[in-house]
Amino acid sequence: MNKSDLVAAIAEKAELSKKDAEKALTAFEDVVTEELMNNGKVQLVGFGTFDVSERAAREGRNPQTGAAMPIPASKAPRFKAGKKLKDAINK
């Protein structure tokens, strides 16, 4: 499912126009992104939690040459599914 499919599904389920559903989805994306940029987290009880994972600096290898190369520290977004979502998938 791509973004336009998701917008169409949200519009149908919530009885909204596709334009309003797209605005709502874009707003959700923006709010989650802003919160994660501020090292916060977004918790939707039962569905899951969006947060930021810290990755430490480490040494990696170039797969072509085998030479050692430094990999800098970074942050990565992470989603952890909630119990209700896990249960629904495993039915």
N, C-alpha and C. Protein backbone atom coordinates (compact mmCIF):
# COMPACT_ATOMS: atom_id res chain seq x y z
N MET A 1 0.85 -1.17 0.00
CA MET A 1 0.00 0.00 0.00
C MET A 1 0.90 1.24 0.00
N ASN A 2 0.66 2.12 -0.95
CA ASN A 2 1.43 3.36 -1.00
C ASN A 2 0.60 4.49 -0.37
N LYS A 3 1.15 5.70 -0.39
CA LYS A 3 0.49 6.82 0.29
C LYS A 3 -0.89 7.12 -0.30
N SER A 4 -1.01 7.11 -1.63
CA SER A 4 -2.32 7.42 -2.22
C SER A 4 -3.35 6.35 -1.88
N ASP A 5 -2.92 5.09 -1.79
CA ASP A 5 -3.83 4.01 -1.38
C ASP A 5 -4.26 4.21 0.08
N LEU A 6 -3.31 4.61 0.92
CA LEU A 6 -3.61 4.86 2.33
C LEU A 6 -4.58 6.02 2.48
N VAL A 7 -4.36 7.09 1.74
CA VAL A 7 -5.26 8.25 1.77
C VAL A 7 -6.67 7.82 1.37
N ALA A 8 -6.78 7.03 0.30
CA ALA A 8 -8.09 6.56 -0.16
C ALA A 8 -8.77 5.70 0.90
N ALA A 9 -8.01 4.82 1.56
CA ALA A 9 -8.57 3.95 2.59
C ALA A 9 -9.03 4.76 3.80
N ILE A 10 -8.24 5.75 4.20
CA ILE A 10 -8.62 6.61 5.33
C ILE A 10 -9.87 7.40 4.99
N ALA A 11 -9.92 7.93 3.77
CA ALA A 11 -11.08 8.71 3.33
C ALA A 11 -12.36 7.87 3.39
N GLU A 12 -12.26 6.63 2.93
CA GLU A 12 -13.43 5.75 2.92
C GLU A 12 -13.84 5.37 4.34
N LYS A 13 -12.87 4.99 5.16
CA LYS A 13 -13.15 4.52 6.53
C LYS A 13 -13.71 5.64 7.41
N ALA A 14 -13.17 6.87 7.27
CA ALA A 14 -13.59 7.99 8.10
C ALA A 14 -14.67 8.84 7.45
N GLU A 15 -15.10 8.43 6.27
CA GLU A 15 -16.11 9.17 5.52
C GLU A 15 -15.70 10.63 5.32
N LEU A 16 -14.47 10.81 4.84
CA LEU A 16 -13.90 12.12 4.53
C LEU A 16 -13.64 12.19 3.04
N SER A 17 -13.41 13.40 2.56
CA SER A 17 -12.96 13.53 1.18
C SER A 17 -11.49 13.11 1.13
N LYS A 18 -11.01 12.74 -0.05
CA LYS A 18 -9.60 12.36 -0.17
C LYS A 18 -8.70 13.53 0.19
N LYS A 19 -9.13 14.74 -0.15
CA LYS A 19 -8.33 15.94 0.16
C LYS A 19 -8.19 16.11 1.67
N ASP A 20 -9.28 15.94 2.41
CA ASP A 20 -9.23 16.07 3.87
C ASP A 20 -8.41 14.94 4.49
N ALA A 21 -8.55 13.74 3.96
CA ALA A 21 -7.78 12.60 4.47
C ALA A 21 -6.30 12.82 4.24
N GLU A 22 -5.94 13.36 3.07
CA GLU A 22 -4.53 13.63 2.79
C GLU A 22 -3.99 14.71 3.72
N LYS A 23 -4.79 15.74 4.00
CA LYS A 23 -4.37 16.79 4.94
C LYS A 23 -4.13 16.20 6.33
N ALA A 24 -5.02 15.31 6.76
CA ALA A 24 -4.89 14.69 8.08
C ALA A 24 -3.64 13.81 8.14
N LEU A 25 -3.39 13.03 7.10
CA LEU A 25 -2.22 12.16 7.08
C LEU A 25 -0.94 12.98 7.06
N THR A 26 -0.92 14.04 6.26
CA THR A 26 0.26 14.91 6.19
C THR A 26 0.50 15.58 7.54
N ALA A 27 -0.56 16.02 8.20
CA ALA A 27 -0.42 16.63 9.52
C ALA A 27 0.15 15.63 10.52
N PHE A 28 -0.35 14.39 10.47
CA PHE A 28 0.17 13.34 11.36
C PHE A 28 1.67 13.13 11.13
N GLU A 29 2.06 13.02 9.85
CA GLU A 29 3.48 12.84 9.52
C GLU A 29 4.32 13.99 10.05
N ASP A 30 3.83 15.23 9.87
CA ASP A 30 4.56 16.41 10.31
C ASP A 30 4.72 16.45 11.83
N VAL A 31 3.65 16.15 12.55
CA VAL A 31 3.70 16.17 14.01
C VAL A 31 4.66 15.11 14.54
N VAL A 32 4.59 13.90 14.00
CA VAL A 32 5.48 12.82 14.44
C VAL A 32 6.94 13.19 14.13
N THR A 33 7.18 13.71 12.93
CA THR A 33 8.54 14.09 12.54
C THR A 33 9.10 15.17 13.46
N GLU A 34 8.31 16.20 13.74
CA GLU A 34 8.76 17.28 14.62
C GLU A 34 9.08 16.77 16.02
N GLU A 35 8.22 15.90 16.53
CA GLU A 35 8.44 15.36 17.88
C GLU A 35 9.71 14.52 17.92
N LEU A 36 9.95 13.70 16.91
CA LEU A 36 11.16 12.86 16.88
C LEU A 36 12.40 13.71 16.69
N MET A 37 12.29 14.81 15.94
CA MET A 37 13.44 15.71 15.76
C MET A 37 13.84 16.34 17.09
N ASN A 38 12.88 16.49 18.01
CA ASN A 38 13.15 17.05 19.34
C ASN A 38 13.44 15.95 20.37
N ASN A 39 13.80 14.76 19.89
CA ASN A 39 14.12 13.59 20.73
C ASN A 39 12.96 13.17 21.61
N GLY A 40 11.73 13.46 21.19
CA GLY A 40 10.56 13.02 21.93
C GLY A 40 10.08 11.68 21.41
N LYS A 41 8.89 11.29 21.86
CA LYS A 41 8.29 10.08 21.34
C LYS A 41 6.79 10.27 21.24
N VAL A 42 6.17 9.53 20.35
CA VAL A 42 4.73 9.58 20.14
C VAL A 42 4.20 8.20 20.47
N GLN A 43 3.35 8.13 21.50
CA GLN A 43 2.82 6.84 21.95
C GLN A 43 1.32 6.79 21.68
N LEU A 44 0.91 5.84 20.86
CA LEU A 44 -0.50 5.60 20.57
C LEU A 44 -0.86 4.29 21.25
N VAL A 45 -1.48 4.38 22.41
CA VAL A 45 -1.76 3.21 23.24
C VAL A 45 -2.51 2.15 22.43
N GLY A 46 -1.98 0.94 22.46
CA GLY A 46 -2.57 -0.18 21.74
C GLY A 46 -2.02 -0.34 20.33
N PHE A 47 -1.64 0.79 19.70
CA PHE A 47 -1.14 0.73 18.33
C PHE A 47 0.37 0.62 18.31
N GLY A 48 1.06 1.54 18.98
CA GLY A 48 2.51 1.48 19.01
C GLY A 48 3.14 2.79 19.40
N THR A 49 4.47 2.80 19.39
CA THR A 49 5.25 3.96 19.81
C THR A 49 6.29 4.29 18.77
N PHE A 50 6.35 5.56 18.39
CA PHE A 50 7.41 6.08 17.53
C PHE A 50 8.43 6.74 18.45
N ASP A 51 9.71 6.39 18.31
CA ASP A 51 10.75 7.06 19.08
C ASP A 51 12.05 7.08 18.30
N VAL A 52 13.11 7.59 18.93
CA VAL A 52 14.40 7.74 18.27
C VAL A 52 15.40 6.80 18.92
N SER A 53 16.14 6.07 18.10
CA SER A 53 17.17 5.16 18.57
C SER A 53 18.54 5.79 18.30
N GLU A 54 19.39 5.78 19.30
CA GLU A 54 20.75 6.33 19.17
C GLU A 54 21.69 5.20 18.74
N ARG A 55 22.45 5.45 17.69
CA ARG A 55 23.44 4.47 17.24
C ARG A 55 24.83 5.03 17.52
N ALA A 56 25.64 4.27 18.22
CA ALA A 56 26.98 4.71 18.57
C ALA A 56 27.90 4.66 17.35
N ALA A 57 28.97 5.46 17.41
CA ALA A 57 29.97 5.41 16.34
C ALA A 57 30.66 4.04 16.40
N ARG A 58 31.03 3.54 15.25
CA ARG A 58 31.69 2.23 15.21
C ARG A 58 32.56 2.15 13.97
N GLU A 59 33.31 1.08 13.90
CA GLU A 59 34.18 0.87 12.74
C GLU A 59 33.57 -0.21 11.86
N GLY A 60 33.46 0.10 10.57
CA GLY A 60 32.91 -0.87 9.63
C GLY A 60 33.95 -1.24 8.60
N ARG A 61 33.56 -2.03 7.64
CA ARG A 61 34.47 -2.47 6.58
C ARG A 61 33.87 -2.14 5.22
N ASN A 62 34.70 -1.69 4.32
CA ASN A 62 34.28 -1.50 2.94
C ASN A 62 34.16 -2.89 2.32
N PRO A 63 32.98 -3.28 1.84
CA PRO A 63 32.82 -4.64 1.33
C PRO A 63 33.64 -4.94 0.08
N GLN A 64 34.01 -3.92 -0.68
CA GLN A 64 34.80 -4.17 -1.89
C GLN A 64 36.28 -4.34 -1.58
N THR A 65 36.80 -3.50 -0.69
CA THR A 65 38.24 -3.55 -0.42
C THR A 65 38.60 -4.20 0.90
N GLY A 66 37.65 -4.27 1.81
CA GLY A 66 37.93 -4.83 3.13
C GLY A 66 38.60 -3.83 4.06
N ALA A 67 38.82 -2.61 3.58
CA ALA A 67 39.48 -1.59 4.40
C ALA A 67 38.54 -1.12 5.51
N ALA A 68 39.14 -0.83 6.67
CA ALA A 68 38.37 -0.33 7.80
C ALA A 68 37.94 1.11 7.51
N MET A 69 36.71 1.44 7.92
CA MET A 69 36.23 2.80 7.74
C MET A 69 35.34 3.18 8.92
N PRO A 70 35.44 4.42 9.37
CA PRO A 70 34.63 4.83 10.52
C PRO A 70 33.18 5.07 10.10
N ILE A 71 32.25 4.65 10.95
CA ILE A 71 30.83 4.93 10.74
C ILE A 71 30.43 5.86 11.89
N PRO A 72 30.02 7.09 11.57
CA PRO A 72 29.72 8.05 12.63
C PRO A 72 28.46 7.69 13.42
N ALA A 73 28.35 8.26 14.62
CA ALA A 73 27.15 8.07 15.43
C ALA A 73 25.97 8.69 14.68
N SER A 74 24.79 8.12 14.88
CA SER A 74 23.60 8.64 14.21
C SER A 74 22.35 8.33 15.03
N LYS A 75 21.27 8.94 14.61
CA LYS A 75 19.96 8.68 15.21
C LYS A 75 19.08 8.07 14.14
N ALA A 76 18.21 7.15 14.54
CA ALA A 76 17.32 6.50 13.59
C ALA A 76 15.91 6.45 14.18
N PRO A 77 14.89 6.73 13.36
CA PRO A 77 13.52 6.58 13.87
C PRO A 77 13.19 5.10 14.06
N ARG A 78 12.33 4.83 15.04
CA ARG A 78 11.99 3.45 15.35
C ARG A 78 10.50 3.38 15.69
N PHE A 79 9.86 2.30 15.32
CA PHE A 79 8.46 2.06 15.67
C PHE A 79 8.37 0.73 16.39
N LYS A 80 7.75 0.74 17.56
CA LYS A 80 7.53 -0.49 18.31
C LYS A 80 6.03 -0.73 18.38
N ALA A 81 5.58 -1.85 17.83
CA ALA A 81 4.16 -2.17 17.79
C ALA A 81 3.60 -2.42 19.18
N GLY A 82 2.37 -1.97 19.41
CA GLY A 82 1.68 -2.18 20.67
C GLY A 82 0.99 -3.54 20.72
N LYS A 83 0.51 -3.90 21.90
CA LYS A 83 -0.11 -5.21 22.10
C LYS A 83 -1.34 -5.41 21.22
N LYS A 84 -2.20 -4.41 21.14
CA LYS A 84 -3.43 -4.54 20.35
C LYS A 84 -3.10 -4.81 18.87
N LEU A 85 -2.12 -4.10 18.32
CA LEU A 85 -1.71 -4.31 16.93
C LEU A 85 -1.10 -5.70 16.74
N LYS A 86 -0.24 -6.10 17.66
CA LYS A 86 0.38 -7.43 17.58
C LYS A 86 -0.68 -8.53 17.62
N ASP A 87 -1.64 -8.37 18.54
CA ASP A 87 -2.71 -9.37 18.68
C ASP A 87 -3.55 -9.46 17.41
N ALA A 88 -3.85 -8.30 16.81
CA ALA A 88 -4.67 -8.27 15.59
C ALA A 88 -3.95 -8.98 14.44
N ILE A 89 -2.65 -8.80 14.34
CA ILE A 89 -1.88 -9.42 13.27
C ILE A 89 -1.76 -10.94 13.48
N ASN A 90 -1.68 -11.36 14.71
CA ASN A 90 -1.47 -12.77 15.01
C ASN A 90 -2.74 -13.58 15.16
N LYS A 91 -3.89 -13.01 14.83
CA LYS A 91 -5.16 -13.77 14.92
C LYS A 91 -5.21 -14.82 13.83
